[in-house]
Amino acid sequence: MNGPPCETCKKFYSKKGRKQPRCGSKKCGKGIVEPLLEENEDAIFVFGQVRNQAIYGGMDAVPIDLRLDAVKFVMDLYDIENPRECYEKVIKAWHHVAAIDRSKRKS
């Protein structure tokens, strides 16, 4: 499985501007995770750009929400074709990741 980058890796890492991993590695996810669906590419890209733009609160610095102006800025910067759909997917993904983070903090 450690071969040259598959089509999924080529498409995903082309936007990131980084060296592509070898397929089959943990970073590739080939055979480990579902392939990136074409309709989710923009949302995953935007999510990757803004995931650290969170609003934290409380003494434990718990993630509360994502800075929505950061999401809009990135969508405008990259001329996202369907911003409303992309926005909804990014927010849904961020809240999912935040819920996992909060549950890990409780353990």
Protein backbone atom coordinates (compact mmCIF):
# COMPACT_ATOMS: atom_id res chain seq x y z
CA MET A 1 0.00 0.00 0.00
CA ASN A 2 2.97 2.37 0.30
CA GLY A 3 2.93 3.62 -3.26
CA PRO A 4 2.80 6.96 -4.99
CA PRO A 5 -0.03 9.31 -3.98
CA CYS A 6 -3.50 8.17 -5.01
CA GLU A 7 -5.94 10.49 -6.76
CA THR A 8 -7.60 11.37 -3.44
CA CYS A 9 -4.26 12.46 -1.96
CA LYS A 10 -3.29 14.39 -5.09
CA LYS A 11 -6.53 16.39 -5.05
CA PHE A 12 -6.52 17.02 -1.31
CA TYR A 13 -2.88 17.99 -0.96
CA SER A 14 -2.80 20.09 -4.14
CA LYS A 15 -4.72 22.85 -2.36
CA LYS A 16 -2.59 22.62 0.75
CA GLY A 17 0.70 23.34 -1.02
CA ARG A 18 2.55 20.69 0.97
CA LYS A 19 4.40 17.56 0.04
CA GLN A 20 2.03 14.67 -0.58
CA PRO A 21 2.29 11.68 1.77
CA ARG A 22 2.90 8.17 0.51
CA CYS A 23 -0.36 6.31 0.09
CA GLY A 24 -1.14 3.88 2.85
CA SER A 25 0.50 6.01 5.52
CA LYS A 26 -1.53 7.36 8.41
CA LYS A 27 -1.68 10.78 6.77
CA CYS A 28 -3.13 9.34 3.57
CA GLY A 29 -5.94 7.35 5.12
CA LYS A 30 -6.26 5.08 2.08
CA GLY A 31 -8.35 2.16 3.22
CA ILE A 32 -8.73 3.69 6.69
CA VAL A 33 -11.14 6.58 6.11
CA GLU A 34 -13.78 7.23 3.50
CA PRO A 35 -12.55 9.06 0.41
CA LEU A 36 -13.14 12.77 0.25
CA LEU A 37 -16.43 13.36 -1.55
CA GLU A 38 -16.26 15.96 -4.29
CA GLU A 39 -19.18 17.93 -2.86
CA ASN A 40 -17.31 18.31 0.46
CA GLU A 41 -13.94 19.46 -0.92
CA ASP A 42 -14.56 23.18 -0.43
CA ALA A 43 -15.94 22.73 3.08
CA ILE A 44 -13.01 20.56 4.16
CA PHE A 45 -10.56 23.05 2.69
CA VAL A 46 -12.22 26.02 4.45
CA PHE A 47 -12.47 24.03 7.70
CA GLY A 48 -8.74 23.33 7.53
CA GLN A 49 -8.04 27.04 7.14
CA VAL A 50 -10.26 28.24 10.02
CA ARG A 51 -10.24 25.40 12.55
CA ASN A 52 -7.93 27.37 14.85
CA GLN A 53 -10.16 30.47 14.78
CA ALA A 54 -12.25 29.33 17.73
CA ILE A 55 -13.76 31.30 20.56
CA TYR A 56 -12.89 29.78 23.93
CA GLY A 57 -14.49 30.48 27.29
CA GLY A 58 -14.25 29.69 30.94
CA MET A 59 -11.35 28.77 33.17
CA ASP A 60 -10.80 25.55 31.24
CA ALA A 61 -10.74 27.34 27.85
CA VAL A 62 -13.55 25.22 26.46
CA PRO A 63 -14.29 25.75 22.74
CA ILE A 64 -17.58 27.60 22.40
CA ASP A 65 -17.93 28.55 18.75
CA LEU A 66 -16.06 29.33 15.57
CA ARG A 67 -15.36 32.89 14.45
CA LEU A 68 -17.86 33.25 11.65
CA ASP A 69 -16.05 36.23 10.14
CA ALA A 70 -13.02 33.99 9.60
CA VAL A 71 -15.17 31.46 7.71
CA LYS A 72 -16.60 34.20 5.50
CA PHE A 73 -13.17 35.70 4.89
CA VAL A 74 -11.72 32.40 3.69
CA MET A 75 -14.76 31.63 1.54
CA ASP A 76 -14.49 35.08 -0.09
CA LEU A 77 -10.72 34.76 -0.49
CA TYR A 78 -11.00 31.49 -2.38
CA ASP A 79 -14.22 32.36 -4.26
CA ILE A 80 -16.19 29.42 -2.92
CA GLU A 81 -18.96 28.67 -5.39
CA ASN A 82 -21.80 27.87 -2.96
CA PRO A 83 -20.97 29.81 0.24
CA ARG A 84 -24.17 29.04 2.14
CA GLU A 85 -23.81 25.27 1.76
CA CYS A 86 -20.09 25.45 2.50
CA TYR A 87 -20.71 27.59 5.60
CA GLU A 88 -23.24 25.09 6.97
CA LYS A 89 -20.85 22.17 6.43
CA VAL A 90 -17.92 24.00 8.04
CA ILE A 91 -19.96 24.93 11.12
CA LYS A 92 -21.34 21.39 11.43
CA ALA A 93 -17.83 19.92 11.17
CA TRP A 94 -16.41 22.36 13.69
CA HIS A 95 -19.15 21.67 16.25
CA HIS A 96 -18.56 17.94 15.81
CA VAL A 97 -14.82 18.35 16.46
CA ALA A 98 -15.51 20.69 19.41
CA ALA A 99 -17.87 18.14 20.97
CA ILE A 100 -15.15 15.49 20.72
CA ASP A 101 -12.67 17.91 22.32
CA ARG A 102 -15.07 18.68 25.19
CA SER A 103 -15.71 14.99 25.82
CA LYS A 104 -11.96 14.29 25.97
CA ARG A 105 -11.54 17.07 28.53
CA LYS A 106 -14.18 15.48 30.78
CA SER A 107 -12.42 12.11 30.79
